Amino acid sequence: MLWTTAATAADAGPSSPAPTPIILVMGDSLSAGYGVNVDSTWVALLQRRLAGQGYGYRLVNASISGETTGGARPRLPRALQLHKPAIVIIELGGNDGLRGLPLGQVKDNLEAMVTQSQAAGAQPLLVGMRIPPNYGPAYAEQFHAMYSELGLKLKVPVLGFFLDRVALNDKLMQADGIHPAAAGQPLLLENLWPVLQPLLKK
């Protein structure tokens, strides 16, 4: 899924204003808006909040339902080249964890995406996840810990758990118990906002 919330700015001439800074979202179904009207997703809610509070950013959502870190990693360089984002929100890893993929591999993919973003002049933001203990509590705990470990190692901001206050609330989740419903989208934004807001410039 790839969409933008505004038309691409025209080529800037000598007297044209500076191009609108981009926030690139590289995520899975939680950011692609699986089962939710596109206007109700947390990404759409974020765009409206940015506009309402005077932040001149445009969101580009390059999220794909079912995406893994291994799928997103080779897509990122092209997205960085095309959109030249100021901020990259990396909301990935949940599908890797649900499939029990080796954590070293997942961590390596996330680290590569962070460093690629930094090399392109963008500020990365890692969105952490938790998974059920299907593969044992040790795997689940190590999975969650890898986000904060990467944040410390790479000196990037990390949101601890994207679905905090949402995941265990049946009223906020879809029937599958995996994806937030429209009612849960505002809370996703509230979870992200305290980590994202300090990175924004007016």
Protein backbone atom coordinates (compact mmCIF):
# COMPACT_ATOMS: atom_id res chain seq x y z
CA MET A 1 0.00 0.00 0.00
CA LEU A 2 1.47 3.35 -1.00
CA TRP A 3 -0.38 6.58 -0.72
CA THR A 4 0.34 10.18 0.02
CA THR A 5 -1.90 12.70 1.68
CA ALA A 6 -1.22 15.49 -0.79
CA ALA A 7 -0.12 15.93 -4.37
CA THR A 8 3.60 15.95 -4.99
CA ALA A 9 4.99 19.46 -4.83
CA ALA A 10 5.99 21.03 -8.12
CA ASP A 11 9.66 21.58 -8.83
CA ALA A 12 10.78 24.47 -6.71
CA GLY A 13 11.91 27.54 -8.62
CA PRO A 14 14.11 30.35 -7.28
CA SER A 15 11.16 32.09 -5.62
CA SER A 16 9.24 28.95 -4.63
CA PRO A 17 8.84 27.96 -0.98
CA ALA A 18 10.91 25.10 0.41
CA PRO A 19 9.52 21.66 -0.40
CA THR A 20 7.21 20.13 2.17
CA PRO A 21 9.14 17.75 4.47
CA ILE A 22 8.10 14.12 4.26
CA ILE A 23 7.40 11.57 6.98
CA LEU A 24 7.79 8.10 5.48
CA VAL A 25 5.95 5.23 7.16
CA MET A 26 7.43 1.79 6.52
CA GLY A 27 5.11 -0.65 8.23
CA ASP A 28 2.91 -3.70 8.05
CA SER A 29 -0.87 -4.12 8.32
CA LEU A 30 -1.02 -2.00 11.49
CA SER A 31 0.04 1.00 9.42
CA ALA A 32 -1.46 -0.09 6.09
CA GLY A 33 -4.86 0.07 7.78
CA TYR A 34 -5.98 -3.53 7.35
CA GLY A 35 -9.75 -3.72 7.75
CA VAL A 36 -10.11 0.00 8.42
CA ASN A 37 -11.28 2.83 6.16
CA VAL A 38 -8.21 4.71 4.97
CA ASP A 39 -9.52 7.97 6.45
CA SER A 40 -9.75 6.36 9.90
CA THR A 41 -6.21 4.95 10.11
CA TRP A 42 -3.71 6.33 12.59
CA VAL A 43 -1.66 7.57 9.62
CA ALA A 44 -4.57 9.66 8.36
CA LEU A 45 -5.26 10.88 11.90
CA LEU A 46 -1.63 11.89 12.24
CA GLN A 47 -1.74 13.87 9.01
CA ARG A 48 -4.76 15.78 10.26
CA ARG A 49 -3.12 16.45 13.61
CA LEU A 50 0.05 17.75 11.95
CA ALA A 51 -1.98 20.12 9.79
CA GLY A 52 -4.12 21.26 12.70
CA GLN A 53 -1.10 22.03 14.87
CA GLY A 54 0.81 23.87 12.19
CA TYR A 55 3.39 21.24 11.32
CA GLY A 56 4.09 21.35 7.61
CA TYR A 57 4.74 17.67 7.01
CA ARG A 58 3.26 15.35 4.41
CA LEU A 59 2.96 11.63 5.12
CA VAL A 60 3.87 8.95 2.62
CA ASN A 61 2.59 5.55 3.68
CA ALA A 62 4.66 2.75 2.16
CA SER A 63 3.22 0.10 4.47
CA ILE A 64 2.08 -3.32 3.20
CA SER A 65 -0.14 -5.79 5.01
CA GLY A 66 1.81 -8.92 5.86
CA GLU A 67 5.15 -7.17 5.43
CA THR A 68 8.23 -8.49 7.21
CA THR A 69 11.53 -6.77 7.92
CA GLY A 70 13.09 -8.91 5.21
CA GLY A 71 10.53 -7.68 2.70
CA ALA A 72 10.78 -4.03 3.66
CA ARG A 73 14.56 -3.82 3.87
CA PRO A 74 15.17 -4.02 0.08
CA ARG A 75 12.26 -1.63 -0.58
CA LEU A 76 13.55 1.12 1.68
CA PRO A 77 16.47 2.48 -0.42
CA ARG A 78 14.15 3.23 -3.34
CA ALA A 79 11.64 4.92 -1.03
CA LEU A 80 14.38 7.02 0.53
CA GLN A 81 15.64 8.06 -2.90
CA LEU A 82 12.17 8.85 -4.21
CA HIS A 83 10.72 10.73 -1.25
CA LYS A 84 13.81 12.10 0.56
CA PRO A 85 12.02 11.97 3.93
CA ALA A 86 12.92 13.98 6.98
CA ILE A 87 11.59 11.25 9.29
CA VAL A 88 11.17 7.50 8.76
CA ILE A 89 8.75 5.64 11.04
CA ILE A 90 9.74 1.96 11.02
CA GLU A 91 6.78 -0.10 12.26
CA LEU A 92 7.90 -3.63 11.47
CA GLY A 93 8.78 -6.94 13.06
CA GLY A 94 5.38 -8.18 14.22
CA ASN A 95 4.96 -10.56 11.29
CA ASP A 96 8.53 -11.81 11.75
CA GLY A 97 7.78 -12.58 15.38
CA LEU A 98 4.48 -14.29 14.65
CA ARG A 99 6.33 -16.57 12.22
CA GLY A 100 9.08 -17.32 14.72
CA LEU A 101 11.84 -16.03 12.46
CA PRO A 102 15.37 -15.92 13.93
CA LEU A 103 15.68 -12.79 16.06
CA GLY A 104 19.22 -12.14 14.89
CA GLN A 105 17.90 -11.88 11.34
CA VAL A 106 15.05 -9.58 12.35
CA LYS A 107 17.35 -7.36 14.37
CA ASP A 108 19.85 -7.17 11.50
CA ASN A 109 17.10 -6.09 9.09
CA LEU A 110 15.84 -3.38 11.45
CA GLU A 111 19.35 -2.13 12.09
CA ALA A 112 20.01 -1.94 8.36
CA MET A 113 16.83 0.07 7.84
CA VAL A 114 17.77 2.50 10.59
CA THR A 115 21.28 3.02 9.26
CA GLN A 116 20.02 3.37 5.68
CA SER A 117 17.63 6.07 6.84
CA GLN A 118 20.35 7.87 8.75
CA ALA A 119 22.70 7.71 5.77
CA ALA A 120 19.97 9.35 3.66
CA GLY A 121 19.72 12.23 6.13
CA ALA A 122 16.47 11.09 7.71
CA GLN A 123 15.62 10.69 11.40
CA PRO A 124 14.44 7.12 12.08
CA LEU A 125 11.85 6.23 14.72
CA LEU A 126 11.47 2.58 15.74
CA VAL A 127 8.04 1.32 16.71
CA GLY A 128 8.27 -1.60 19.10
CA MET A 129 5.94 -4.55 19.29
CA ARG A 130 5.07 -7.44 21.59
CA ILE A 131 4.01 -10.90 20.45
CA PRO A 132 2.13 -13.77 22.14
CA PRO A 133 4.38 -16.42 23.75
CA ASN A 134 3.62 -18.93 20.97
CA TYR A 135 7.33 -19.76 20.67
CA GLY A 136 8.00 -19.58 24.39
CA PRO A 137 8.33 -16.68 26.83
CA ALA A 138 12.06 -16.31 26.21
CA TYR A 139 11.57 -15.67 22.50
CA ALA A 140 8.72 -13.22 23.19
CA GLU A 141 10.76 -11.25 25.72
CA GLN A 142 13.86 -11.17 23.55
CA PHE A 143 11.72 -10.04 20.62
CA HIS A 144 10.37 -7.06 22.55
CA ALA A 145 13.77 -6.22 24.03
CA MET A 146 15.47 -5.99 20.64
CA TYR A 147 13.74 -2.67 19.89
CA SER A 148 15.12 -0.91 22.95
CA GLU A 149 18.50 -2.54 22.39
CA LEU A 150 18.61 -1.17 18.86
CA GLY A 151 17.49 2.24 20.09
CA LEU A 152 20.37 2.39 22.57
CA LYS A 153 22.91 1.06 20.09
CA LEU A 154 21.89 3.31 17.20
CA LYS A 155 20.79 6.30 19.30
CA VAL A 156 17.30 6.49 17.81
CA PRO A 157 13.94 7.05 19.56
CA VAL A 158 11.84 3.96 20.22
CA LEU A 159 8.15 3.53 21.03
CA GLY A 160 8.02 0.63 23.45
CA PHE A 161 4.75 -1.02 22.41
CA PHE A 162 2.58 0.33 19.63
CA LEU A 163 -0.57 -1.52 20.74
CA ASP A 164 -0.38 -0.48 24.37
CA ARG A 165 -3.93 -0.12 25.84
CA VAL A 166 -5.34 -1.48 22.55
CA ALA A 167 -4.23 -5.09 22.10
CA LEU A 168 -6.23 -6.61 24.98
CA ASN A 169 -9.36 -4.50 24.56
CA ASP A 170 -11.95 -6.35 22.47
CA LYS A 171 -13.79 -3.09 21.81
CA LEU A 172 -10.72 -1.65 20.11
CA MET A 173 -9.67 -4.74 18.16
CA GLN A 174 -11.09 -6.42 15.09
CA ALA A 175 -12.60 -9.91 15.37
CA ASP A 176 -9.28 -11.54 14.44
CA GLY A 177 -7.74 -10.27 17.67
CA ILE A 178 -4.67 -9.08 15.79
CA HIS A 179 -5.62 -5.85 14.05
CA PRO A 180 -6.94 -2.70 15.73
CA ALA A 181 -10.40 -1.57 14.70
CA ALA A 182 -11.21 2.01 13.74
CA ALA A 183 -11.97 2.71 17.40
CA GLY A 184 -8.40 1.78 18.32
CA GLN A 185 -6.67 3.99 15.76
CA PRO A 186 -6.73 7.19 17.87
CA LEU A 187 -4.97 5.34 20.70
CA LEU A 188 -2.26 4.15 18.31
CA LEU A 189 -1.64 7.78 17.45
CA GLU A 190 -1.61 8.76 21.13
CA ASN A 191 0.98 6.04 21.79
CA LEU A 192 3.19 7.29 18.96
CA TRP A 193 2.80 11.03 19.44
CA PRO A 194 5.03 11.55 22.53
CA VAL A 195 7.92 9.89 20.70
CA LEU A 196 7.31 11.55 17.33
CA GLN A 197 6.46 15.08 18.44
CA PRO A 198 9.98 15.97 19.71
CA LEU A 199 11.34 15.18 16.24
CA LEU A 200 9.02 17.62 14.47
CA LYS A 201 9.91 21.13 13.39
CA LYS A 202 7.57 23.97 12.56
